[in-house]
Every structure is written in C-alpha cells, then in structure tokens.
Amino acid sequence: MEDQTILEKLGNKVSQVLEQHDRLKDENKMLRTEMVTIKAENEIKSKEIDKLTEENVMKDLEIEEIVEKIESILG
C-alpha cells in the first residue's frame, strides 16, 4: 500500500514538472516573439534616428551657408 502512495506521489510530481515545463515553454515562445517584435521596432526607430540625424546635419550646413552669405553681404 505504501508503494502505491509513493508511486502516486511520484506520478503527481512528474505531472507537475511536465505542466510547469509546458507553461515555461509557452512563456519562452511568447517572450521570443515579443523580442523579435521589439527588435524590429528598434531597427525602425534606429533608421528614423539616422535619417533625422542626417537631416539635422544638412540643415546645419544650410544654416552655415546662409550665415556666410549674410556675412559676405554685410561685409
């Protein structure tokens, strides 16, 4: 009778471990999907930052040209 109880306990523990494994596997899959999404969003934002930085550099150059023109006109 005691062997059955121990065997049942062991079976229950194995079932719990398997359930936990399945939950963690699902959570891992969800986190991987979220990570891929975040990486894609990050890439888009990085490209936008690069674009805006380049535009800022070009605007700075334009401003410098305008200042030089004004200085040459004023003498």
PDB file of N, CA and C in Angstrom:
ATOM      1  N   MET A   1       0.821  -1.197   0.000  1.00  0.00           N
ATOM      2  CA  MET A   1       0.000   0.000   0.000  1.00  0.00           C
ATOM      3  C   MET A   1       0.868   1.265   0.000  1.00  0.00           C
ATOM      4  N   GLU A   2       1.954   1.206   0.751  1.00  0.00           N
ATOM      5  CA  GLU A   2       2.846   2.353   0.808  1.00  0.00           C
ATOM      6  C   GLU A   2       3.507   2.595  -0.533  1.00  0.00           C
ATOM      7  N   ASP A   3       3.855   1.527  -1.274  1.00  0.00           N
ATOM      8  CA  ASP A   3       4.464   1.668  -2.585  1.00  0.00           C
ATOM      9  C   ASP A   3       3.539   2.408  -3.546  1.00  0.00           C
ATOM     10  N   GLN A   4       2.279   2.115  -3.504  1.00  0.00           N
ATOM     11  CA  GLN A   4       1.305   2.788  -4.359  1.00  0.00           C
ATOM     12  C   GLN A   4       1.265   4.287  -4.034  1.00  0.00           C
ATOM     13  N   THR A   5       1.302   4.611  -2.776  1.00  0.00           N
ATOM     14  CA  THR A   5       1.256   6.006  -2.366  1.00  0.00           C
ATOM     15  C   THR A   5       2.503   6.742  -2.861  1.00  0.00           C
ATOM     16  N   ILE A   6       3.649   6.126  -2.704  1.00  0.00           N
ATOM     17  CA  ILE A   6       4.884   6.735  -3.181  1.00  0.00           C
ATOM     18  C   ILE A   6       4.848   6.859  -4.696  1.00  0.00           C
ATOM     19  N   LEU A   7       4.362   5.820  -5.358  1.00  0.00           N
ATOM     20  CA  LEU A   7       4.254   5.854  -6.817  1.00  0.00           C
ATOM     21  C   LEU A   7       3.280   6.944  -7.268  1.00  0.00           C
ATOM     22  N   GLU A   8       2.180   7.093  -6.559  1.00  0.00           N
ATOM     23  CA  GLU A   8       1.222   8.155  -6.884  1.00  0.00           C
ATOM     24  C   GLU A   8       1.849   9.531  -6.673  1.00  0.00           C
ATOM     25  N   LYS A   9       2.588   9.686  -5.565  1.00  0.00           N
ATOM     26  CA  LYS A   9       3.258  10.957  -5.302  1.00  0.00           C
ATOM     27  C   LYS A   9       4.262  11.272  -6.407  1.00  0.00           C
ATOM     28  N   LEU A  10       5.024  10.259  -6.783  1.00  0.00           N
ATOM     29  CA  LEU A  10       5.998  10.445  -7.851  1.00  0.00           C
ATOM     30  C   LEU A  10       5.298  10.814  -9.157  1.00  0.00           C
ATOM     31  N   GLY A  11       4.205  10.140  -9.462  1.00  0.00           N
ATOM     32  CA  GLY A  11       3.433  10.453 -10.666  1.00  0.00           C
ATOM     33  C   GLY A  11       2.903  11.873 -10.649  1.00  0.00           C
ATOM     34  N   ASN A  12       2.436  12.304  -9.485  1.00  0.00           N
ATOM     35  CA  ASN A  12       1.932  13.674  -9.344  1.00  0.00           C
ATOM     36  C   ASN A  12       3.051  14.685  -9.546  1.00  0.00           C
ATOM     37  N   LYS A  13       4.208  14.413  -8.960  1.00  0.00           N
ATOM     38  CA  LYS A  13       5.346  15.318  -9.110  1.00  0.00           C
ATOM     39  C   LYS A  13       5.782  15.399 -10.576  1.00  0.00           C
ATOM     40  N   VAL A  14       5.823  14.264 -11.236  1.00  0.00           N
ATOM     41  CA  VAL A  14       6.198  14.240 -12.661  1.00  0.00           C
ATOM     42  C   VAL A  14       5.185  15.045 -13.467  1.00  0.00           C
ATOM     43  N   SER A  15       3.912  14.883 -13.162  1.00  0.00           N
ATOM     44  CA  SER A  15       2.872  15.654 -13.861  1.00  0.00           C
ATOM     45  C   SER A  15       3.050  17.150 -13.629  1.00  0.00           C
ATOM     46  N   GLN A  16       3.365  17.531 -12.387  1.00  0.00           N
ATOM     47  CA  GLN A  16       3.584  18.939 -12.080  1.00  0.00           C
ATOM     48  C   GLN A  16       4.783  19.492 -12.847  1.00  0.00           C
ATOM     49  N   VAL A  17       5.854  18.696 -12.895  1.00  0.00           N
ATOM     50  CA  VAL A  17       7.045  19.132 -13.625  1.00  0.00           C
ATOM     51  C   VAL A  17       6.724  19.300 -15.105  1.00  0.00           C
ATOM     52  N   LEU A  18       5.978  18.375 -15.669  1.00  0.00           N
ATOM     53  CA  LEU A  18       5.612  18.465 -17.085  1.00  0.00           C
ATOM     54  C   LEU A  18       4.710  19.670 -17.355  1.00  0.00           C
ATOM     55  N   GLU A  19       3.782  19.938 -16.456  1.00  0.00           N
ATOM     56  CA  GLU A  19       2.913  21.104 -16.608  1.00  0.00           C
ATOM     57  C   GLU A  19       3.725  22.390 -16.535  1.00  0.00           C
ATOM     58  N   GLN A  20       4.649  22.431 -15.571  1.00  0.00           N
ATOM     59  CA  GLN A  20       5.499  23.608 -15.451  1.00  0.00           C
ATOM     60  C   GLN A  20       6.366  23.763 -16.696  1.00  0.00           C
ATOM     61  N   HIS A  21       6.872  22.665 -17.205  1.00  0.00           N
ATOM     62  CA  HIS A  21       7.682  22.697 -18.431  1.00  0.00           C
ATOM     63  C   HIS A  21       6.870  23.272 -19.591  1.00  0.00           C
ATOM     64  N   ASP A  22       5.636  22.816 -19.734  1.00  0.00           N
ATOM     65  CA  ASP A  22       4.778  23.311 -20.812  1.00  0.00           C
ATOM     66  C   ASP A  22       4.498  24.808 -20.651  1.00  0.00           C
ATOM     67  N   ARG A  23       4.235  25.231 -19.406  1.00  0.00           N
ATOM     68  CA  ARG A  23       3.982  26.664 -19.158  1.00  0.00           C
ATOM     69  C   ARG A  23       5.216  27.494 -19.507  1.00  0.00           C
ATOM     70  N   LEU A  24       6.367  27.019 -19.068  1.00  0.00           N
ATOM     71  CA  LEU A  24       7.599  27.765 -19.338  1.00  0.00           C
ATOM     72  C   LEU A  24       7.924  27.768 -20.829  1.00  0.00           C
ATOM     73  N   LYS A  25       7.638  26.676 -21.498  1.00  0.00           N
ATOM     74  CA  LYS A  25       7.850  26.609 -22.940  1.00  0.00           C
ATOM     75  C   LYS A  25       6.968  27.634 -23.655  1.00  0.00           C
ATOM     76  N   ASP A  26       5.708  27.717 -23.243  1.00  0.00           N
ATOM     77  CA  ASP A  26       4.795  28.705 -23.833  1.00  0.00           C
ATOM     78  C   ASP A  26       5.246  30.126 -23.534  1.00  0.00           C
ATOM     79  N   GLU A  27       5.672  30.353 -22.293  1.00  0.00           N
ATOM     80  CA  GLU A  27       6.150  31.682 -21.916  1.00  0.00           C
ATOM     81  C   GLU A  27       7.401  32.044 -22.715  1.00  0.00           C
ATOM     82  N   ASN A  28       8.294  31.086 -22.884  1.00  0.00           N
ATOM     83  CA  ASN A  28       9.510  31.309 -23.659  1.00  0.00           C
ATOM     84  C   ASN A  28       9.170  31.666 -25.106  1.00  0.00           C
ATOM     85  N   LYS A  29       8.211  30.949 -25.679  1.00  0.00           N
ATOM     86  CA  LYS A  29       7.788  31.234 -27.059  1.00  0.00           C
ATOM     87  C   LYS A  29       7.220  32.651 -27.160  1.00  0.00           C
ATOM     88  N   MET A  30       6.403  33.016 -26.187  1.00  0.00           N
ATOM     89  CA  MET A  30       5.802  34.348 -26.179  1.00  0.00           C
ATOM     90  C   MET A  30       6.890  35.420 -26.054  1.00  0.00           C
ATOM     91  N   LEU A  31       7.862  35.191 -25.164  1.00  0.00           N
ATOM     92  CA  LEU A  31       8.935  36.162 -24.971  1.00  0.00           C
ATOM     93  C   LEU A  31       9.813  36.275 -26.211  1.00  0.00           C
ATOM     94  N   ARG A  32      10.053  35.165 -26.890  1.00  0.00           N
ATOM     95  CA  ARG A  32      10.837  35.212 -28.126  1.00  0.00           C
ATOM     96  C   ARG A  32      10.115  36.023 -29.197  1.00  0.00           C
ATOM     97  N   THR A  33       8.817  35.818 -29.299  1.00  0.00           N
ATOM     98  CA  THR A  33       8.018  36.577 -30.264  1.00  0.00           C
ATOM     99  C   THR A  33       8.051  38.061 -29.926  1.00  0.00           C
ATOM    100  N   GLU A  34       7.905  38.369 -28.647  1.00  0.00           N
ATOM    101  CA  GLU A  34       7.947  39.763 -28.206  1.00  0.00           C
ATOM    102  C   GLU A  34       9.317  40.367 -28.492  1.00  0.00           C
ATOM    103  N   MET A  35      10.370  39.590 -28.277  1.00  0.00           N
ATOM    104  CA  MET A  35      11.723  40.077 -28.526  1.00  0.00           C
ATOM    105  C   MET A  35      11.930  40.378 -30.011  1.00  0.00           C
ATOM    106  N   VAL A  36      11.424  39.517 -30.877  1.00  0.00           N
ATOM    107  CA  VAL A  36      11.545  39.751 -32.320  1.00  0.00           C
ATOM    108  C   VAL A  36      10.810  41.033 -32.703  1.00  0.00           C
ATOM    109  N   THR A  37       9.622  41.209 -32.154  1.00  0.00           N
ATOM    110  CA  THR A  37       8.837  42.416 -32.427  1.00  0.00           C
ATOM    111  C   THR A  37       9.575  43.665 -31.947  1.00  0.00           C
ATOM    112  N   ILE A  38      10.117  43.605 -30.748  1.00  0.00           N
ATOM    113  CA  ILE A  38      10.827  44.758 -30.198  1.00  0.00           C
ATOM    114  C   ILE A  38      12.082  45.060 -31.000  1.00  0.00           C
ATOM    115  N   LYS A  39      12.790  44.015 -31.424  1.00  0.00           N
ATOM    116  CA  LYS A  39      13.980  44.236 -32.253  1.00  0.00           C
ATOM    117  C   LYS A  39      13.608  44.904 -33.569  1.00  0.00           C
ATOM    118  N   ALA A  40      12.495  44.480 -34.171  1.00  0.00           N
ATOM    119  CA  ALA A  40      12.049  45.087 -35.427  1.00  0.00           C
ATOM    120  C   ALA A  40      11.686  46.556 -35.201  1.00  0.00           C
ATOM    121  N   GLU A  41      10.978  46.831 -34.113  1.00  0.00           N
ATOM    122  CA  GLU A  41      10.625  48.215 -33.790  1.00  0.00           C
ATOM    123  C   GLU A  41      11.883  49.045 -33.545  1.00  0.00           C
ATOM    124  N   ASN A  42      12.833  48.459 -32.853  1.00  0.00           N
ATOM    125  CA  ASN A  42      14.087  49.145 -32.572  1.00  0.00           C
ATOM    126  C   ASN A  42      14.831  49.472 -33.861  1.00  0.00           C
ATOM    127  N   GLU A  43      14.835  48.552 -34.801  1.00  0.00           N
ATOM    128  CA  GLU A  43      15.502  48.779 -36.090  1.00  0.00           C
ATOM    129  C   GLU A  43      14.842  49.930 -36.838  1.00  0.00           C
ATOM    130  N   ILE A  44      13.527  49.962 -36.828  1.00  0.00           N
ATOM    131  CA  ILE A  44      12.791  51.048 -37.486  1.00  0.00           C
ATOM    132  C   ILE A  44      13.137  52.387 -36.832  1.00  0.00           C
ATOM    133  N   LYS A  45      13.155  52.404 -35.505  1.00  0.00           N
ATOM    134  CA  LYS A  45      13.474  53.645 -34.794  1.00  0.00           C
ATOM    135  C   LYS A  45      14.911  54.067 -35.047  1.00  0.00           C
ATOM    136  N   SER A  46      15.824  53.103 -35.102  1.00  0.00           N
ATOM    137  CA  SER A  46      17.223  53.432 -35.376  1.00  0.00           C
ATOM    138  C   SER A  46      17.375  54.056 -36.758  1.00  0.00           C
ATOM    139  N   LYS A  47      16.673  53.505 -37.733  1.00  0.00           N
ATOM    140  CA  LYS A  47      16.727  54.066 -39.087  1.00  0.00           C
ATOM    141  C   LYS A  47      16.151  55.481 -39.100  1.00  0.00           C
ATOM    142  N   GLU A  48      15.076  55.680 -38.367  1.00  0.00           N
ATOM    143  CA  GLU A  48      14.465  57.012 -38.298  1.00  0.00           C
ATOM    144  C   GLU A  48      15.425  58.002 -37.633  1.00  0.00           C
ATOM    145  N   ILE A  49      16.092  57.566 -36.581  1.00  0.00           N
ATOM    146  CA  ILE A  49      17.071  58.428 -35.903  1.00  0.00           C
ATOM    147  C   ILE A  49      18.204  58.779 -36.859  1.00  0.00           C
ATOM    148  N   ASP A  50      18.701  57.782 -37.597  1.00  0.00           N
ATOM    149  CA  ASP A  50      19.769  58.042 -38.570  1.00  0.00           C
ATOM    150  C   ASP A  50      19.327  59.056 -39.615  1.00  0.00           C
ATOM    151  N   LYS A  51      18.100  58.868 -40.091  1.00  0.00           N
ATOM    152  CA  LYS A  51      17.559  59.782 -41.101  1.00  0.00           C
ATOM    153  C   LYS A  51      17.453  61.197 -40.542  1.00  0.00           C
ATOM    154  N   LEU A  52      16.917  61.329 -39.338  1.00  0.00           N
ATOM    155  CA  LEU A  52      16.763  62.649 -38.723  1.00  0.00           C
ATOM    156  C   LEU A  52      18.120  63.288 -38.413  1.00  0.00           C
ATOM    157  N   THR A  53      19.072  62.467 -38.022  1.00  0.00           N
ATOM    158  CA  THR A  53      20.419  62.985 -37.764  1.00  0.00           C
ATOM    159  C   THR A  53      21.025  63.528 -39.046  1.00  0.00           C
ATOM    160  N   GLU A  54      20.856  62.796 -40.121  1.00  0.00           N
ATOM    161  CA  GLU A  54      21.367  63.250 -41.422  1.00  0.00           C
ATOM    162  C   GLU A  54      20.671  64.540 -41.853  1.00  0.00           C
ATOM    163  N   GLU A  55      19.366  64.602 -41.659  1.00  0.00           N
ATOM    164  CA  GLU A  55      18.632  65.824 -41.996  1.00  0.00           C
ATOM    165  C   GLU A  55      19.125  66.997 -41.149  1.00  0.00           C
ATOM    166  N   ASN A  56      19.410  66.734 -39.893  1.00  0.00           N
ATOM    167  CA  ASN A  56      19.918  67.776 -39.000  1.00  0.00           C
ATOM    168  C   ASN A  56      21.272  68.290 -39.482  1.00  0.00           C
ATOM    169  N   VAL A  57      22.127  67.386 -39.901  1.00  0.00           N
ATOM    170  CA  VAL A  57      23.432  67.780 -40.430  1.00  0.00           C
ATOM    171  C   VAL A  57      23.253  68.655 -41.669  1.00  0.00           C
ATOM    172  N   MET A  58      22.348  68.257 -42.548  1.00  0.00           N
ATOM    173  CA  MET A  58      22.109  69.034 -43.764  1.00  0.00           C
ATOM    174  C   MET A  58      21.558  70.418 -43.423  1.00  0.00           C
ATOM    175  N   LYS A  59      20.659  70.487 -42.461  1.00  0.00           N
ATOM    176  CA  LYS A  59      20.112  71.790 -42.048  1.00  0.00           C
ATOM    177  C   LYS A  59      21.210  72.674 -41.460  1.00  0.00           C
ATOM    178  N   ASP A  60      22.106  72.063 -40.675  1.00  0.00           N
ATOM    179  CA  ASP A  60      23.229  72.822 -40.120  1.00  0.00           C
ATOM    180  C   ASP A  60      24.095  73.394 -41.240  1.00  0.00           C
ATOM    181  N   LEU A  61      24.338  72.590 -42.264  1.00  0.00           N
ATOM    182  CA  LEU A  61      25.125  73.068 -43.404  1.00  0.00           C
ATOM    183  C   LEU A  61      24.416  74.227 -44.112  1.00  0.00           C
ATOM    184  N   GLU A  62      23.110  74.092 -44.277  1.00  0.00           N
ATOM    185  CA  GLU A  62      22.339  75.169 -44.903  1.00  0.00           C
ATOM    186  C   GLU A  62      22.436  76.453 -44.076  1.00  0.00           C
ATOM    187  N   ILE A  63      22.333  76.302 -42.770  1.00  0.00           N
ATOM    188  CA  ILE A  63      22.414  77.469 -41.891  1.00  0.00           C
ATOM    189  C   ILE A  63      23.788  78.121 -42.005  1.00  0.00           C
ATOM    190  N   GLU A  64      24.812  77.302 -42.029  1.00  0.00           N
ATOM    191  CA  GLU A  64      26.171  77.851 -42.177  1.00  0.00           C
ATOM    192  C   GLU A  64      26.317  78.611 -43.494  1.00  0.00           C
ATOM    193  N   GLU A  65      25.765  78.067 -44.564  1.00  0.00           N
ATOM    194  CA  GLU A  65      25.825  78.744 -45.867  1.00  0.00           C
ATOM    195  C   GLU A  65      25.089  80.079 -45.820  1.00  0.00           C
ATOM    196  N   ILE A  66      23.926  80.081 -45.183  1.00  0.00           N
ATOM    197  CA  ILE A  66      23.149  81.322 -45.076  1.00  0.00           C
ATOM    198  C   ILE A  66      23.913  82.364 -44.260  1.00  0.00           C
ATOM    199  N   VAL A  67      24.503  81.927 -43.157  1.00  0.00           N
ATOM    200  CA  VAL A  67      25.280  82.847 -42.315  1.00  0.00           C
ATOM    201  C   VAL A  67      26.456  83.411 -43.110  1.00  0.00           C
ATOM    202  N   GLU A  68      27.138  82.569 -43.877  1.00  0.00           N
ATOM    203  CA  GLU A  68      28.259  83.037 -44.692  1.00  0.00           C
ATOM    204  C   GLU A  68      27.798  84.056 -45.723  1.00  0.00           C
ATOM    205  N   LYS A  69      26.658  83.801 -46.350  1.00  0.00           N
ATOM    206  CA  LYS A  69      26.108  84.746 -47.335  1.00  0.00           C
ATOM    207  C   LYS A  69      25.790  86.084 -46.673  1.00  0.00           C
ATOM    208  N   ILE A  70      25.152  86.020 -45.501  1.00  0.00           N
ATOM    209  CA  ILE A  70      24.797  87.251 -44.784  1.00  0.00           C
ATOM    210  C   ILE A  70      26.070  88.017 -44.404  1.00  0.00           C
ATOM    211  N   GLU A  71      27.063  87.280 -43.920  1.00  0.00           N
ATOM    212  CA  GLU A  71      28.325  87.927 -43.526  1.00  0.00           C
ATOM    213  C   GLU A  71      29.012  88.560 -44.732  1.00  0.00           C
ATOM    214  N   SER A  72      28.941  87.887 -45.880  1.00  0.00           N
ATOM    215  CA  SER A  72      29.584  88.454 -47.074  1.00  0.00           C
ATOM    216  C   SER A  72      28.832  89.683 -47.568  1.00  0.00           C
ATOM    217  N   ILE A  73      27.511  89.700 -47.402  1.00  0.00           N
ATOM    218  CA  ILE A  73      26.726  90.859 -47.804  1.00  0.00           C
ATOM    219  C   ILE A  73      26.993  92.037 -46.875  1.00  0.00           C
ATOM    220  N   LEU A  74      27.069  91.735 -45.583  1.00  0.00           N
ATOM    221  CA  LEU A  74      27.298  92.802 -44.601  1.00  0.00           C
ATOM    222  C   LEU A  74      28.730  93.270 -44.589  1.00  0.00           C
ATOM    223  N   GLY A  75      29.577  92.448 -45.111  1.00  0.00           N
ATOM    224  CA  GLY A  75      30.891  92.903 -45.339  1.00  0.00           C
ATOM    225  C   GLY A  75      32.013  92.587 -44.508  1.00  0.00           C
TER     226      GLY A  75
END
